[in-house]
N, C-alpha and C. Protein backbone atom coordinates (compact mmCIF):
# COMPACT_ATOMS: atom_id res chain seq x y z
N MET A 1 1.11 0.73 -29.79
CA MET A 1 1.45 1.79 -28.34
C MET A 1 0.55 1.61 -27.06
N ASN A 2 1.24 1.61 -25.89
CA ASN A 2 0.91 1.35 -24.62
C ASN A 2 0.16 2.38 -23.96
N HIS A 3 -0.92 2.81 -23.92
CA HIS A 3 -1.32 4.12 -23.30
C HIS A 3 -1.48 3.74 -21.83
N GLN A 4 -0.94 4.77 -21.31
CA GLN A 4 -0.69 5.16 -19.41
C GLN A 4 -1.79 6.32 -19.18
N PRO A 5 -2.55 6.13 -18.42
CA PRO A 5 -3.41 7.71 -17.96
C PRO A 5 -2.56 8.00 -17.02
N LEU A 6 -2.47 9.33 -17.76
CA LEU A 6 -1.40 10.38 -16.83
C LEU A 6 -2.22 11.16 -15.64
N GLY A 7 -1.49 11.01 -14.32
CA GLY A 7 -2.05 11.94 -13.12
C GLY A 7 -2.12 13.25 -13.24
N SER A 8 -3.13 13.82 -12.80
CA SER A 8 -3.24 15.48 -12.89
C SER A 8 -3.37 15.93 -11.30
N VAL A 9 -3.11 16.58 -10.77
CA VAL A 9 -3.29 17.49 -9.72
C VAL A 9 -3.98 18.65 -9.61
N SER A 10 -5.01 19.25 -8.96
CA SER A 10 -5.44 20.65 -8.73
C SER A 10 -6.04 20.74 -7.74
N ARG A 11 -5.66 22.40 -7.71
CA ARG A 11 -6.27 22.94 -6.22
C ARG A 11 -7.05 23.97 -6.20
N GLU A 12 -7.89 24.16 -5.09
CA GLU A 12 -9.07 25.01 -5.06
C GLU A 12 -9.19 25.51 -3.33
N ARG A 13 -9.78 26.46 -3.20
CA ARG A 13 -10.28 26.70 -1.54
C ARG A 13 -11.52 26.50 -1.75
N LEU A 14 -11.99 26.09 -0.43
CA LEU A 14 -13.43 26.14 -0.25
C LEU A 14 -13.52 26.29 1.35
N ASN A 15 -14.30 27.44 1.71
CA ASN A 15 -15.05 27.73 3.01
C ASN A 15 -13.36 27.32 4.04
N GLY A 16 -12.37 28.07 3.72
CA GLY A 16 -11.10 28.22 4.61
C GLY A 16 -10.28 26.99 4.38
N ALA A 17 -10.57 25.78 3.66
CA ALA A 17 -10.02 24.54 3.32
C ALA A 17 -9.23 24.59 2.05
N SER A 18 -8.23 23.61 2.01
CA SER A 18 -7.53 23.66 0.95
C SER A 18 -8.08 22.25 0.09
N ILE A 19 -8.41 22.35 -1.20
CA ILE A 19 -8.86 20.86 -1.67
C ILE A 19 -8.04 20.85 -2.74
N VAL A 20 -7.04 19.41 -2.49
CA VAL A 20 -6.36 19.03 -3.67
C VAL A 20 -7.07 17.93 -4.44
N ARG A 21 -6.87 17.82 -5.59
CA ARG A 21 -7.75 16.87 -6.41
C ARG A 21 -6.87 16.08 -7.18
N LEU A 22 -6.84 14.74 -7.07
CA LEU A 22 -6.01 13.96 -7.58
C LEU A 22 -6.91 13.24 -8.68
N GLU A 23 -6.26 13.01 -9.72
CA GLU A 23 -7.22 12.70 -11.13
C GLU A 23 -5.93 11.61 -12.06
N GLY A 24 -6.54 10.47 -12.03
CA GLY A 24 -5.46 9.54 -13.02
C GLY A 24 -5.21 8.70 -11.66
N GLU A 25 -3.46 8.51 -12.58
CA GLU A 25 -2.36 7.62 -12.07
C GLU A 25 -1.66 8.83 -11.44
N ILE A 26 -1.28 8.66 -9.79
CA ILE A 26 -0.80 9.44 -9.50
C ILE A 26 0.69 8.50 -9.16
N ASP A 27 1.98 8.96 -9.81
CA ASP A 27 3.10 8.03 -9.83
C ASP A 27 4.08 9.22 -9.84
N LEU A 28 5.45 8.48 -10.35
CA LEU A 28 6.57 9.57 -10.37
C LEU A 28 6.27 10.92 -11.44
N HIS A 29 5.50 10.38 -12.45
CA HIS A 29 5.42 11.45 -13.31
C HIS A 29 4.62 13.11 -12.79
N ALA A 30 3.84 12.72 -11.66
CA ALA A 30 3.13 13.59 -11.18
C ALA A 30 3.34 14.10 -9.47
N ALA A 31 4.38 13.35 -9.28
CA ALA A 31 5.04 13.80 -8.25
C ALA A 31 5.65 14.86 -7.65
N ASP A 32 6.31 15.94 -8.96
CA ASP A 32 6.73 17.06 -8.90
C ASP A 32 5.08 18.19 -8.45
N GLN A 33 3.95 17.89 -9.26
CA GLN A 33 3.21 18.65 -9.32
C GLN A 33 2.31 18.42 -7.93
N LEU A 34 2.22 17.05 -7.26
CA LEU A 34 1.92 16.81 -6.50
C LEU A 34 2.47 17.44 -4.78
N ASN A 35 3.36 17.37 -4.94
CA ASN A 35 4.72 17.96 -3.91
C ASN A 35 4.03 19.53 -3.90
N GLU A 36 4.40 20.52 -5.09
CA GLU A 36 4.12 21.51 -4.99
C GLU A 36 2.57 21.95 -4.37
N ALA A 37 1.54 21.23 -5.04
CA ALA A 37 0.42 21.53 -4.43
C ALA A 37 -0.05 21.25 -3.17
N LEU A 38 0.67 20.08 -2.84
CA LEU A 38 0.50 19.86 -1.12
C LEU A 38 1.31 21.02 -0.39
N SER A 39 2.31 21.55 -1.08
CA SER A 39 3.45 22.15 0.13
C SER A 39 2.58 23.64 0.08
N GLN A 40 2.10 24.35 -0.90
CA GLN A 40 1.55 25.43 -1.00
C GLN A 40 0.03 25.56 -0.21
N SER A 41 -0.60 24.28 -0.55
CA SER A 41 -1.96 24.22 0.40
C SER A 41 -1.83 24.17 1.99
N MET A 42 -0.58 23.55 2.39
CA MET A 42 -0.32 22.98 3.57
C MET A 42 -0.08 24.62 4.45
N ARG A 43 0.92 25.29 3.56
CA ARG A 43 1.05 26.73 3.92
C ARG A 43 0.04 27.74 3.91
N GLU A 44 -1.10 27.55 3.15
CA GLU A 44 -2.16 28.49 3.11
C GLU A 44 -3.50 28.09 3.81
N ALA A 45 -3.75 27.00 4.11
CA ALA A 45 -4.79 26.77 4.53
C ALA A 45 -4.67 25.53 5.50
N HIS A 46 -5.91 25.70 6.18
CA HIS A 46 -6.03 24.24 7.57
C HIS A 46 -7.23 24.02 7.56
N PRO A 47 -7.76 22.77 7.42
CA PRO A 47 -7.17 21.84 6.80
C PRO A 47 -7.14 21.72 5.20
N VAL A 48 -6.38 20.59 5.18
CA VAL A 48 -6.13 20.19 3.59
C VAL A 48 -6.51 19.02 3.40
N VAL A 49 -7.46 18.82 2.36
CA VAL A 49 -8.32 17.64 1.88
C VAL A 49 -7.77 17.19 0.81
N VAL A 50 -7.23 15.87 0.81
CA VAL A 50 -6.94 15.36 -0.62
C VAL A 50 -8.10 14.59 -1.20
N ASP A 51 -8.89 15.13 -2.52
CA ASP A 51 -9.77 14.20 -2.84
C ASP A 51 -9.45 13.37 -3.59
N LEU A 52 -9.70 12.04 -3.46
CA LEU A 52 -9.10 10.84 -4.17
C LEU A 52 -10.09 10.31 -4.92
N ALA A 53 -11.34 10.63 -5.22
CA ALA A 53 -12.06 10.40 -5.72
C ALA A 53 -11.58 9.91 -7.38
N GLY A 54 -11.22 10.82 -8.16
CA GLY A 54 -10.58 10.48 -9.34
C GLY A 54 -9.09 9.74 -9.31
N CYS A 55 -8.65 9.29 -8.56
CA CYS A 55 -7.36 8.55 -8.40
C CYS A 55 -7.55 7.16 -8.72
N GLN A 56 -7.13 6.66 -9.75
CA GLN A 56 -7.22 5.13 -9.71
C GLN A 56 -6.09 4.69 -9.66
N PHE A 57 -4.95 4.90 -9.26
CA PHE A 57 -3.80 4.49 -8.87
C PHE A 57 -2.67 5.65 -8.08
N ILE A 58 -2.07 4.91 -6.93
CA ILE A 58 -1.26 5.93 -6.39
C ILE A 58 0.20 5.04 -5.88
N ASP A 59 1.34 5.79 -6.18
CA ASP A 59 2.38 4.59 -5.84
C ASP A 59 3.12 5.28 -4.95
N SER A 60 4.49 4.52 -4.34
CA SER A 60 5.21 5.32 -3.36
C SER A 60 5.81 6.58 -3.31
N THR A 61 5.74 7.10 -4.66
CA THR A 61 6.15 8.60 -4.52
C THR A 61 4.93 9.42 -4.21
N GLY A 62 3.86 9.11 -4.62
CA GLY A 62 2.48 9.81 -4.33
C GLY A 62 2.35 9.70 -2.89
N ILE A 63 2.53 8.52 -2.21
CA ILE A 63 2.23 8.27 -0.83
C ILE A 63 3.29 8.98 0.24
N GLY A 64 4.55 9.37 -0.40
CA GLY A 64 5.60 9.93 0.23
C GLY A 64 5.06 11.24 0.18
N ALA A 65 4.74 11.85 -1.09
CA ALA A 65 4.34 13.46 -0.78
C ALA A 65 3.42 13.69 0.06
N ILE A 66 2.28 12.60 0.11
CA ILE A 66 1.07 12.85 1.23
C ILE A 66 1.73 13.01 2.48
N VAL A 67 2.65 11.84 3.13
CA VAL A 67 3.37 11.75 4.42
C VAL A 67 4.17 13.38 4.51
N ARG A 68 4.73 13.35 3.75
CA ARG A 68 5.65 14.72 3.66
C ARG A 68 4.54 16.11 4.10
N ALA A 69 3.49 16.28 3.13
CA ALA A 69 2.64 17.14 3.30
C ALA A 69 2.10 17.13 5.02
N PHE A 70 1.79 15.72 5.36
CA PHE A 70 1.34 15.85 6.83
C PHE A 70 2.14 16.40 7.69
N ARG A 71 3.54 15.60 7.43
CA ARG A 71 4.59 16.25 8.46
C ARG A 71 4.70 17.63 8.73
N THR A 72 4.84 18.25 7.35
CA THR A 72 4.66 19.59 7.32
C THR A 72 3.60 20.32 7.79
N GLY A 73 2.44 19.88 7.79
CA GLY A 73 1.24 20.50 8.47
C GLY A 73 1.38 20.39 9.85
N GLN A 74 2.10 19.19 10.43
CA GLN A 74 2.08 19.05 11.84
C GLN A 74 3.04 20.14 12.43
N SER A 75 4.07 20.41 11.64
CA SER A 75 4.98 21.27 12.32
C SER A 75 4.58 22.61 12.21
N LEU A 76 3.51 22.86 10.95
CA LEU A 76 3.12 24.35 10.95
C LEU A 76 1.94 24.76 11.84
N HIS A 77 0.89 23.82 11.95
CA HIS A 77 0.02 23.66 12.45
C HIS A 77 -0.37 23.22 13.78
N GLY A 78 0.57 22.54 14.44
CA GLY A 78 0.30 21.93 16.00
C GLY A 78 0.62 20.23 15.19
N ASP A 79 0.57 19.51 16.33
CA ASP A 79 0.26 17.97 16.36
C ASP A 79 -0.68 17.46 16.56
N THR A 80 -1.20 17.83 15.08
CA THR A 80 -2.93 17.50 14.85
C THR A 80 -2.93 16.48 13.74
N SER A 81 -3.91 15.48 13.85
CA SER A 81 -4.30 14.87 12.68
C SER A 81 -5.27 15.21 11.81
N SER A 82 -5.99 16.49 12.11
CA SER A 82 -6.84 16.82 11.10
C SER A 82 -6.15 18.03 10.18
N VAL A 83 -4.65 18.02 10.04
CA VAL A 83 -4.26 18.96 9.42
C VAL A 83 -4.10 18.72 7.75
N LEU A 84 -4.48 17.42 7.67
CA LEU A 84 -4.35 16.45 6.20
C LEU A 84 -5.62 15.28 6.58
N ILE A 85 -6.25 15.49 5.55
CA ILE A 85 -7.41 14.58 5.59
C ILE A 85 -7.59 13.68 4.10
N LEU A 86 -7.52 12.82 3.90
CA LEU A 86 -7.68 11.96 2.56
C LEU A 86 -9.06 11.38 2.43
N ALA A 87 -9.80 11.85 1.21
CA ALA A 87 -11.08 11.78 1.18
C ALA A 87 -11.37 11.14 0.10
N ALA A 88 -12.76 10.08 -0.12
CA ALA A 88 -13.19 9.36 -1.26
C ALA A 88 -12.70 8.37 -1.98
N PRO A 89 -11.60 7.62 -1.30
CA PRO A 89 -10.45 6.85 -2.14
C PRO A 89 -11.33 5.81 -3.20
N VAL A 90 -11.05 5.32 -3.91
CA VAL A 90 -11.80 4.30 -4.55
C VAL A 90 -11.16 2.78 -4.08
N PRO A 91 -11.58 1.91 -3.88
CA PRO A 91 -11.39 0.79 -3.11
C PRO A 91 -9.75 0.66 -3.51
N ASP A 92 -9.54 0.15 -4.43
CA ASP A 92 -8.04 -0.23 -4.84
C ASP A 92 -6.88 0.75 -4.11
N VAL A 93 -7.27 1.98 -4.03
CA VAL A 93 -6.37 3.04 -3.54
C VAL A 93 -6.31 3.42 -1.76
N LYS A 94 -7.91 3.01 -1.69
CA LYS A 94 -8.14 2.91 -0.32
C LYS A 94 -7.15 1.96 0.48
N ARG A 95 -7.18 0.44 -0.20
CA ARG A 95 -6.34 -0.56 0.35
C ARG A 95 -4.71 -0.21 0.41
N VAL A 96 -4.27 0.43 -0.37
CA VAL A 96 -2.97 0.66 -0.56
C VAL A 96 -2.78 1.75 0.53
N LEU A 97 -3.39 2.88 0.83
CA LEU A 97 -3.46 3.86 1.66
C LEU A 97 -3.46 3.28 3.22
N GLU A 98 -4.33 2.35 3.23
CA GLU A 98 -4.53 1.84 4.77
C GLU A 98 -3.72 0.62 5.17
N GLN A 99 -2.99 0.22 4.16
CA GLN A 99 -1.66 -0.75 4.32
C GLN A 99 -0.30 0.27 4.83
N THR A 100 -0.44 1.29 3.86
CA THR A 100 0.91 1.93 3.92
C THR A 100 0.96 2.98 5.05
N LEU A 101 -0.19 3.35 5.06
CA LEU A 101 -0.15 4.60 6.15
C LEU A 101 -0.88 4.06 7.91
N ASP A 102 -1.22 3.00 7.45
CA ASP A 102 -1.45 2.28 9.33
C ASP A 102 -1.92 3.34 10.23
N GLY A 103 -2.91 4.23 9.49
CA GLY A 103 -3.64 5.05 10.33
C GLY A 103 -3.05 6.39 10.74
N LEU A 104 -1.82 6.61 10.06
CA LEU A 104 -1.23 8.00 10.50
C LEU A 104 -2.11 8.99 10.09
N ILE A 105 -2.69 9.09 8.94
CA ILE A 105 -3.82 10.16 8.42
C ILE A 105 -5.14 9.63 7.87
N PRO A 106 -6.00 10.50 8.49
CA PRO A 106 -7.28 9.66 8.31
C PRO A 106 -7.89 9.71 6.89
N VAL A 107 -8.53 8.72 6.77
CA VAL A 107 -9.08 8.41 5.41
C VAL A 107 -10.48 8.14 5.54
N PHE A 108 -11.15 9.20 4.73
CA PHE A 108 -12.85 8.98 4.60
C PHE A 108 -13.16 8.72 3.59
């Protein structure tokens, strides 16, 4: 049997910001969980930091959820790039984000 690492999403508040942590593989199987976490976070806090340190893989559904959250944040909090911040991606994930987001969302 082929083992596929499952992705998980968790949230916490820290100093007025919302931290959304992504672990494992963020794909179609984790998309609903990610959408819900980002949606709630965008409504509750500003900024929202997506901690990618534990994320080994992200596909187009995960990137789509991040872009939707960014657009929602812009609508709720004004047209500012600081509504959503992507932090600490591993090199493979960082490369995918840079290629697909083209500077739309800050990656630190």
